[in-house]
C-alpha atoms as a PDB file:
ATOM      1  CA  MET A   1     100.969   0.493 -66.729  1.00  0.00           C
ATOM      2  CA  LEU A   2     103.405  -0.523 -63.991  1.00  0.00           C
ATOM      3  CA  ALA A   3     103.245   1.073 -60.575  1.00  0.00           C
ATOM      4  CA  ALA A   4     105.878   0.894 -57.871  1.00  0.00           C
ATOM      5  CA  VAL A   5     104.936   1.338 -54.229  1.00  0.00           C
ATOM      6  CA  VAL A   6     107.705   2.476 -51.906  1.00  0.00           C
ATOM      7  CA  ALA A   7     107.355   2.212 -48.127  1.00  0.00           C
ATOM      8  CA  LEU A   8     108.824   5.197 -46.339  1.00  0.00           C
ATOM      9  CA  PRO A   9     109.881   5.298 -42.690  1.00  0.00           C
ATOM     10  CA  ALA A  10     107.707   7.221 -40.268  1.00  0.00           C
ATOM     11  CA  CYS A  11     110.222   9.999 -39.803  1.00  0.00           C
ATOM     12  CA  GLN A  12     110.341  12.873 -42.236  1.00  0.00           C
ATOM     13  CA  ARG A  13     113.461  13.088 -44.370  1.00  0.00           C
ATOM     14  CA  ALA A  14     115.332  16.287 -45.115  1.00  0.00           C
ATOM     15  CA  ALA A  15     114.586  17.902 -48.444  1.00  0.00           C
ATOM     16  CA  TYR A  16     116.503  16.344 -51.319  1.00  0.00           C
ATOM     17  CA  GLN A  17     119.443  18.410 -52.544  1.00  0.00           C
ATOM     18  CA  PRO A  18     120.286  17.729 -56.212  1.00  0.00           C
ATOM     19  CA  GLN A  19     123.988  17.137 -56.902  1.00  0.00           C
ATOM     20  CA  ALA A  20     124.135  16.982 -60.683  1.00  0.00           C
ATOM     21  CA  GLN A  21     124.766  20.202 -62.572  1.00  0.00           C
ATOM     22  CA  LEU A  22     122.810  20.428 -65.843  1.00  0.00           C
ATOM     23  CA  PRO A  23     123.340  22.938 -68.643  1.00  0.00           C
ATOM     24  CA  ALA A  24     120.988  25.893 -68.659  1.00  0.00           C
ATOM     25  CA  THR A  25     119.390  24.775 -71.936  1.00  0.00           C
ATOM     26  CA  THR A  26     118.581  21.109 -72.550  1.00  0.00           C
ATOM     27  CA  ALA A  27     115.633  21.320 -74.925  1.00  0.00           C
ATOM     28  CA  VAL A  28     116.104  20.123 -78.490  1.00  0.00           C
ATOM     29  CA  THR A  29     113.672  21.332 -81.112  1.00  0.00           C
ATOM     30  CA  VAL A  30     111.982  18.432 -82.922  1.00  0.00           C
ATOM     31  CA  THR A  31     110.464  19.040 -86.353  1.00  0.00           C
ATOM     32  CA  ALA A  32     109.039  16.896 -89.130  1.00  0.00           C
ATOM     33  CA  ALA A  33     112.253  17.391 -91.031  1.00  0.00           C
ATOM     34  CA  GLN A  34     114.266  15.589 -88.375  1.00  0.00           C
ATOM     35  CA  ALA A  35     115.363  12.123 -89.500  1.00  0.00           C
ATOM     36  CA  ALA A  36     113.828   9.166 -87.677  1.00  0.00           C
ATOM     37  CA  ASP A  37     116.081   6.968 -85.583  1.00  0.00           C
ATOM     38  CA  PRO A  38     116.413   3.686 -87.549  1.00  0.00           C
ATOM     39  CA  LYS A  39     116.608   1.615 -84.361  1.00  0.00           C
ATOM     40  CA  VAL A  40     113.432   3.163 -82.959  1.00  0.00           C
ATOM     41  CA  GLU A  41     111.657   2.768 -86.289  1.00  0.00           C
ATOM     42  CA  ALA A  42     112.583  -0.912 -86.383  1.00  0.00           C
ATOM     43  CA  VAL A  43     110.923  -1.427 -83.009  1.00  0.00           C
ATOM     44  CA  VAL A  44     107.843   0.690 -83.722  1.00  0.00           C
ATOM     45  CA  ALA A  45     107.085  -0.438 -87.287  1.00  0.00           C
ATOM     46  CA  PRO A  46     105.470  -3.820 -86.464  1.00  0.00           C
ATOM     47  CA  TYR A  47     103.165  -2.211 -83.899  1.00  0.00           C
ATOM     48  CA  ARG A  48     102.240   0.605 -86.267  1.00  0.00           C
ATOM     49  CA  GLN A  49     101.342  -1.941 -88.944  1.00  0.00           C
ATOM     50  CA  LYS A  50      99.248  -3.984 -86.514  1.00  0.00           C
ATOM     51  CA  VAL A  51      97.300  -0.919 -85.383  1.00  0.00           C
ATOM     52  CA  LYS A  52      96.731   0.121 -89.003  1.00  0.00           C
ATOM     53  CA  GLU A  53      95.373  -3.313 -89.858  1.00  0.00           C
ATOM     54  CA  GLN A  54      93.003  -3.171 -86.904  1.00  0.00           C
ATOM     55  CA  MET A  55      91.799   0.334 -87.729  1.00  0.00           C
ATOM     56  CA  ASP A  56      91.300  -0.544 -91.412  1.00  0.00           C
ATOM     57  CA  GLU A  57      89.028  -3.518 -90.674  1.00  0.00           C
ATOM     58  CA  VAL A  58      85.666  -2.988 -92.411  1.00  0.00           C
ATOM     59  CA  ILE A  59      82.768  -3.681 -90.033  1.00  0.00           C
ATOM     60  CA  GLY A  60      79.812  -2.307 -92.002  1.00  0.00           C
ATOM     61  CA  THR A  61      78.556  -0.367 -94.998  1.00  0.00           C
ATOM     62  CA  ALA A  62      76.469   2.801 -95.079  1.00  0.00           C
ATOM     63  CA  PRO A  63      74.475   3.766 -98.208  1.00  0.00           C
ATOM     64  CA  THR A  64      74.843   7.436 -97.252  1.00  0.00           C
ATOM     65  CA  ALA A  65      76.938   9.314 -94.691  1.00  0.00           C
ATOM     66  CA  ILE A  66      75.392   9.497 -91.226  1.00  0.00           C
ATOM     67  CA  ARG A  67      75.823  13.073 -90.040  1.00  0.00           C
ATOM     68  CA  LYS A  68      75.053  15.275 -87.080  1.00  0.00           C
ATOM     69  CA  ASN A  69      73.435  18.685 -87.327  1.00  0.00           C
ATOM     70  CA  ASN A  70      71.671  21.191 -85.125  1.00  0.00           C
ATOM     71  CA  GLY A  71      68.408  19.865 -83.743  1.00  0.00           C
ATOM     72  CA  GLU A  72      67.419  16.249 -84.309  1.00  0.00           C
ATOM     73  CA  SER A  73      70.101  14.534 -86.369  1.00  0.00           C
ATOM     74  CA  PRO A  74      70.581  11.083 -87.886  1.00  0.00           C
ATOM     75  CA  LEU A  75      73.880  10.493 -86.052  1.00  0.00           C
ATOM     76  CA  ALA A  76      72.569  11.492 -82.620  1.00  0.00           C
ATOM     77  CA  ASN A  77      69.476   9.315 -83.130  1.00  0.00           C
ATOM     78  CA  PHE A  78      71.670   6.407 -84.193  1.00  0.00           C
ATOM     79  CA  THR A  79      74.008   6.575 -81.199  1.00  0.00           C
ATOM     80  CA  ALA A  80      71.336   7.339 -78.581  1.00  0.00           C
ATOM     81  CA  ASP A  81      69.342   4.313 -79.776  1.00  0.00           C
ATOM     82  CA  ILE A  82      72.435   2.119 -79.490  1.00  0.00           C
ATOM     83  CA  LEU A  83      73.104   3.292 -75.924  1.00  0.00           C
ATOM     84  CA  ARG A  84      69.538   2.623 -74.846  1.00  0.00           C
ATOM     85  CA  GLU A  85      69.464  -0.835 -76.397  1.00  0.00           C
ATOM     86  CA  ARG A  86      72.901  -1.903 -75.159  1.00  0.00           C
ATOM     87  CA  ALA A  87      72.288  -0.642 -71.621  1.00  0.00           C
ATOM     88  CA  GLY A  88      69.097  -2.678 -71.484  1.00  0.00           C
ATOM     89  CA  THR A  89      70.994  -5.795 -72.558  1.00  0.00           C
ATOM     90  CA  ALA A  90      73.829  -5.165 -70.096  1.00  0.00           C
ATOM     91  CA  LEU A  91      71.548  -4.621 -67.102  1.00  0.00           C
ATOM     92  CA  GLY A  92      68.819  -7.049 -68.126  1.00  0.00           C
ATOM     93  CA  GLN A  93      65.988  -4.511 -68.004  1.00  0.00           C
ATOM     94  CA  PRO A  94      64.209  -2.093 -70.344  1.00  0.00           C
ATOM     95  CA  ILE A  95      65.721   1.393 -70.390  1.00  0.00           C
ATOM     96  CA  ASP A  96      63.377   4.334 -70.841  1.00  0.00           C
ATOM     97  CA  LEU A  97      65.646   6.869 -72.522  1.00  0.00           C
ATOM     98  CA  GLY A  98      68.941   7.215 -74.367  1.00  0.00           C
ATOM     99  CA  VAL A  99      70.866  10.499 -74.446  1.00  0.00           C
ATOM    100  CA  MET A 100      73.692  11.611 -76.721  1.00  0.00           C
ATOM    101  CA  THR A 101      74.621  15.239 -77.332  1.00  0.00           C
ATOM    102  CA  ASN A 102      76.198  16.565 -80.516  1.00  0.00           C
ATOM    103  CA  GLY A 103      79.241  17.623 -78.501  1.00  0.00           C
ATOM    104  CA  GLY A 104      80.093  14.009 -77.760  1.00  0.00           C
ATOM    105  CA  LEU A 105      80.153  13.029 -81.436  1.00  0.00           C
ATOM    106  CA  ARG A 106      83.410  14.065 -83.090  1.00  0.00           C
ATOM    107  CA  ALA A 107      83.001  12.802 -86.668  1.00  0.00           C
ATOM    108  CA  GLU A 108      80.367  11.511 -89.059  1.00  0.00           C
ATOM    109  CA  LEU A 109      80.117   7.916 -90.219  1.00  0.00           C
ATOM    110  CA  PRO A 110      81.116   7.950 -93.907  1.00  0.00           C
ATOM    111  CA  ALA A 111      79.193   6.634 -96.861  1.00  0.00           C
ATOM    112  CA  GLY A 112      80.539   3.303 -98.061  1.00  0.00           C
ATOM    113  CA  ASN A 113      82.797   1.199 -95.889  1.00  0.00           C
ATOM    114  CA  ILE A 114      82.741   1.851 -92.149  1.00  0.00           C
ATOM    115  CA  THR A 115      85.904   0.716 -90.405  1.00  0.00           C
ATOM    116  CA  VAL A 116      86.991   0.282 -86.806  1.00  0.00           C
ATOM    117  CA  GLY A 117      88.904   3.527 -87.340  1.00  0.00           C
ATOM    118  CA  SER A 118      85.680   5.279 -88.375  1.00  0.00           C
ATOM    119  CA  VAL A 119      84.160   4.455 -84.993  1.00  0.00           C
ATOM    120  CA  PHE A 120      87.300   5.652 -83.185  1.00  0.00           C
ATOM    121  CA  GLU A 121      87.046   8.961 -85.028  1.00  0.00           C
ATOM    122  CA  LEU A 122      83.379   9.231 -84.084  1.00  0.00           C
ATOM    123  CA  MET A 123      84.006   8.367 -80.431  1.00  0.00           C
ATOM    124  CA  PRO A 124      87.701   8.828 -79.550  1.00  0.00           C
ATOM    125  CA  PHE A 125      87.070   8.891 -75.801  1.00  0.00           C
ATOM    126  CA  GLU A 126      87.183   6.052 -73.257  1.00  0.00           C
ATOM    127  CA  ASN A 127      83.687   6.915 -72.047  1.00  0.00           C
ATOM    128  CA  GLU A 128      81.675   4.177 -70.360  1.00  0.00           C
ATOM    129  CA  LEU A 129      77.991   3.533 -70.909  1.00  0.00           C
ATOM    130  CA  VAL A 130      76.114   4.041 -67.635  1.00  0.00           C
ATOM    131  CA  VAL A 131      72.497   4.164 -66.518  1.00  0.00           C
ATOM    132  CA  LEU A 132      70.928   6.864 -64.369  1.00  0.00           C
ATOM    133  CA  ASP A 133      67.798   6.375 -62.283  1.00  0.00           C
ATOM    134  CA  ALA A 134      66.489   9.914 -62.684  1.00  0.00           C
ATOM    135  CA  PRO A 135      63.522  11.273 -60.733  1.00  0.00           C
ATOM    136  CA  GLY A 136      60.847  13.163 -62.628  1.00  0.00           C
ATOM    137  CA  PRO A 137      62.085  16.690 -61.800  1.00  0.00           C
ATOM    138  CA  VAL A 138      65.549  15.861 -63.173  1.00  0.00           C
ATOM    139  CA  VAL A 139      64.020  14.364 -66.314  1.00  0.00           C
ATOM    140  CA  GLN A 140      62.071  17.596 -66.721  1.00  0.00           C
ATOM    141  CA  GLN A 141      65.339  19.535 -66.529  1.00  0.00           C
ATOM    142  CA  MET A 142      66.759  17.266 -69.216  1.00  0.00           C
ATOM    143  CA  PHE A 143      63.850  18.040 -71.561  1.00  0.00           C
ATOM    144  CA  ASP A 144      64.176  21.745 -70.736  1.00  0.00           C
ATOM    145  CA  TYR A 145      67.817  21.489 -71.870  1.00  0.00           C
ATOM    146  CA  ALA A 146      66.893  19.441 -74.950  1.00  0.00           C
ATOM    147  CA  ALA A 147      64.172  21.838 -76.079  1.00  0.00           C
ATOM    148  CA  ARG A 148      66.551  24.807 -76.086  1.00  0.00           C
ATOM    149  CA  VAL A 149      68.707  23.097 -78.732  1.00  0.00           C
ATOM    150  CA  LYS A 150      65.948  20.917 -80.266  1.00  0.00           C
ATOM    151  CA  MET A 151      67.884  17.773 -79.262  1.00  0.00           C
ATOM    152  CA  ALA A 152      66.231  14.403 -79.767  1.00  0.00           C
ATOM    153  CA  LEU A 153      66.331  11.545 -77.250  1.00  0.00           C
ATOM    154  CA  ALA A 154      65.956   7.825 -77.797  1.00  0.00           C
ATOM    155  CA  GLY A 155      62.633   6.539 -76.484  1.00  0.00           C
ATOM    156  CA  ALA A 156      60.863   9.895 -76.380  1.00  0.00           C
ATOM    157  CA  THR A 157      59.127  12.567 -78.418  1.00  0.00           C
ATOM    158  CA  TYR A 158      58.248  16.147 -77.547  1.00  0.00           C
ATOM    159  CA  THR A 159      57.306  19.490 -79.023  1.00  0.00           C
ATOM    160  CA  ALA A 160      59.597  22.509 -78.656  1.00  0.00           C
ATOM    161  CA  THR A 161      57.845  25.876 -78.472  1.00  0.00           C
ATOM    162  CA  THR A 162      59.146  28.964 -80.244  1.00  0.00           C
ATOM    163  CA  ASP A 163      60.787  30.114 -76.989  1.00  0.00           C
ATOM    164  CA  GLY A 164      62.523  26.745 -76.421  1.00  0.00           C
ATOM    165  CA  LYS A 165      60.162  25.099 -73.934  1.00  0.00           C
ATOM    166  CA  PRO A 166      59.238  21.386 -74.068  1.00  0.00           C
ATOM    167  CA  THR A 167      55.583  20.436 -74.306  1.00  0.00           C
ATOM    168  CA  ASP A 168      53.676  17.215 -74.998  1.00  0.00           C
ATOM    169  CA  ILE A 169      56.557  15.089 -73.690  1.00  0.00           C
ATOM    170  CA  ARG A 170      55.976  11.393 -74.280  1.00  0.00           C
ATOM    171  CA  ILE A 171      58.272   8.638 -73.076  1.00  0.00           C
ATOM    172  CA  GLY A 172      57.672   5.202 -74.514  1.00  0.00           C
ATOM    173  CA  GLY A 173      54.547   6.618 -76.123  1.00  0.00           C
ATOM    174  CA  LYS A 174      53.052   7.616 -72.759  1.00  0.00           C
ATOM    175  CA  PRO A 175      52.703  11.129 -71.301  1.00  0.00           C
ATOM    176  CA  PHE A 176      55.615  12.171 -69.106  1.00  0.00           C
ATOM    177  CA  ASP A 177      54.903  11.519 -65.410  1.00  0.00           C
ATOM    178  CA  ALA A 178      56.900  13.852 -63.175  1.00  0.00           C
ATOM    179  CA  SER A 179      56.131  11.702 -60.121  1.00  0.00           C
ATOM    180  CA  ARG A 180      58.050   8.634 -61.291  1.00  0.00           C
ATOM    181  CA  THR A 181      61.657   7.673 -61.894  1.00  0.00           C
ATOM    182  CA  TYR A 182      62.993   7.034 -65.410  1.00  0.00           C
ATOM    183  CA  THR A 183      66.071   5.097 -66.485  1.00  0.00           C
ATOM    184  CA  ILE A 184      68.497   6.898 -68.800  1.00  0.00           C
ATOM    185  CA  ALA A 185      71.313   5.334 -70.841  1.00  0.00           C
ATOM    186  CA  ILE A 186      74.124   7.851 -71.197  1.00  0.00           C
ATOM    187  CA  SER A 187      77.920   8.185 -71.213  1.00  0.00           C
ATOM    188  CA  ASP A 188      79.721   8.630 -67.907  1.00  0.00           C
ATOM    189  CA  TYR A 189      81.007  11.978 -69.190  1.00  0.00           C
ATOM    190  CA  LEU A 190      77.510  13.369 -69.690  1.00  0.00           C
ATOM    191  CA  ALA A 191      76.284  11.724 -66.482  1.00  0.00           C
ATOM    192  CA  GLY A 192      78.993  13.650 -64.654  1.00  0.00           C
ATOM    193  CA  GLY A 193      77.687  16.982 -65.921  1.00  0.00           C
ATOM    194  CA  GLY A 194      79.513  17.242 -69.252  1.00  0.00           C
ATOM    195  CA  ASP A 195      78.043  19.464 -71.999  1.00  0.00           C
ATOM    196  CA  GLN A 196      76.318  21.467 -69.231  1.00  0.00           C
ATOM    197  CA  LEU A 197      74.106  18.557 -68.130  1.00  0.00           C
ATOM    198  CA  THR A 198      74.880  19.509 -64.528  1.00  0.00           C
ATOM    199  CA  PHE A 199      71.476  18.372 -63.241  1.00  0.00           C
ATOM    200  CA  PHE A 200      72.648  14.755 -63.593  1.00  0.00           C
ATOM    201  CA  LYS A 201      75.660  15.143 -61.259  1.00  0.00           C
ATOM    202  CA  PRO A 202      73.884  14.282 -57.958  1.00  0.00           C
ATOM    203  CA  ILE A 203      72.692  10.910 -59.339  1.00  0.00           C
ATOM    204  CA  LYS A 204      74.950   7.922 -58.757  1.00  0.00           C
ATOM    205  CA  PRO A 205      75.238   6.046 -62.065  1.00  0.00           C
ATOM    206  CA  ARG A 206      74.942   2.306 -62.510  1.00  0.00           C
ATOM    207  CA  THR A 207      77.859   0.991 -64.533  1.00  0.00           C
ATOM    208  CA  THR A 208      77.596  -1.453 -67.425  1.00  0.00           C
ATOM    209  CA  GLY A 209      81.275  -2.212 -68.024  1.00  0.00           C
ATOM    210  CA  VAL A 210      80.772  -1.325 -71.692  1.00  0.00           C
ATOM    211  CA  LEU A 211      82.563   1.495 -73.503  1.00  0.00           C
ATOM    212  CA  VAL A 212      80.327   3.708 -75.637  1.00  0.00           C
ATOM    213  CA  ARG A 213      82.676   3.112 -78.568  1.00  0.00           C
ATOM    214  CA  SER A 214      82.437  -0.665 -78.107  1.00  0.00           C
ATOM    215  CA  ALA A 215      78.642  -0.498 -78.058  1.00  0.00           C
ATOM    216  CA  ILE A 216      78.658   1.360 -81.398  1.00  0.00           C
ATOM    217  CA  ASN A 217      81.236  -1.003 -82.898  1.00  0.00           C
ATOM    218  CA  ASP A 218      79.304  -4.094 -81.778  1.00  0.00           C
ATOM    219  CA  HIS A 219      76.008  -2.749 -83.106  1.00  0.00           C
ATOM    220  CA  ILE A 220      77.459  -2.098 -86.555  1.00  0.00           C
ATOM    221  CA  ARG A 221      78.957  -5.586 -86.629  1.00  0.00           C
ATOM    222  CA  GLN A 222      75.561  -7.069 -85.708  1.00  0.00           C
ATOM    223  CA  LEU A 223      73.877  -5.177 -88.535  1.00  0.00           C
ATOM    224  CA  THR A 224      76.458  -6.511 -90.980  1.00  0.00           C
ATOM    225  CA  LYS A 225      76.084 -10.059 -89.680  1.00  0.00           C
ATOM    226  CA  ALA A 226      72.335  -9.764 -90.268  1.00  0.00           C
ATOM    227  CA  GLY A 227      72.954  -8.518 -93.814  1.00  0.00           C
ATOM    228  CA  LYS A 228      71.713  -5.006 -93.041  1.00  0.00           C
ATOM    229  CA  PRO A 229      73.241  -1.660 -94.035  1.00  0.00           C
ATOM    230  CA  VAL A 230      74.134   1.014 -91.489  1.00  0.00           C
ATOM    231  CA  GLU A 231      71.401   3.640 -91.750  1.00  0.00           C
ATOM    232  CA  ALA A 232      69.859   6.400 -89.648  1.00  0.00           C
ATOM    233  CA  LYS A 233      67.424   9.239 -90.227  1.00  0.00           C
ATOM    234  CA  VAL A 234      65.498  12.076 -88.649  1.00  0.00           C
ATOM    235  CA  GLU A 235      62.223  10.568 -87.432  1.00  0.00           C
ATOM    236  CA  GLY A 236      60.300  13.512 -86.019  1.00  0.00           C
ATOM    237  CA  ARG A 237      61.223  12.868 -82.415  1.00  0.00           C
ATOM    238  CA  VAL A 238      61.256  16.633 -81.948  1.00  0.00           C
ATOM    239  CA  LYS A 239      58.414  18.709 -83.343  1.00  0.00           C
ATOM    240  CA  VAL A 240      59.343  22.401 -83.536  1.00  0.00           C
ATOM    241  CA  LEU A 241      56.570  24.972 -83.456  1.00  0.00           C
ATOM    242  CA  GLN A 242      57.002  27.744 -86.019  1.00  0.00           C
END
């Protein structure tokens, strides 16, 4: 994007008075039936083809579709794990938790070939992976939120009561300690209070310089390079009392 900076004199100018007289109606209705401009098409076609080739690149293979659903889901587990692992690599330290809500996942990963386009459909946003240093009371609020919708988190397990309260919270296999600070890998959108995670807003995030979409793309490529399929499953991270 190009930006032009114009220096204005200190004095205030008079309001601009337009001179040109335009017809009352200038809008032209554009429909699918309208013929394309051959000159424009000639310019656009090579770029369209290049983008298509990039989006069609196969980066992995999934034996079965990886889907999201209410409660703990294979897709949310898969992405939250990727965020936690990649954040740890980016910052050079272990990360306690990874968080991804269903609202941030816009498509499933299909069975069979997974392409670059598949990942764009899953994560069409330019969200960055960030890390929050969350004090115990905020982490408690996060589990309170999670238990209401039976949402799983990477690096933790808990039990949700029949009235949507979290109990037996364990992080890294150890009982939750409300007196300490935990690190959370999350998207900048969620860190800013998206999907009603407003309790995170007061915490200044640490940036990684990595897009969430890039982290997912890179992880799938690494699996393929290692000769592994792309798989995910429900692991019992959330136990729901009946």
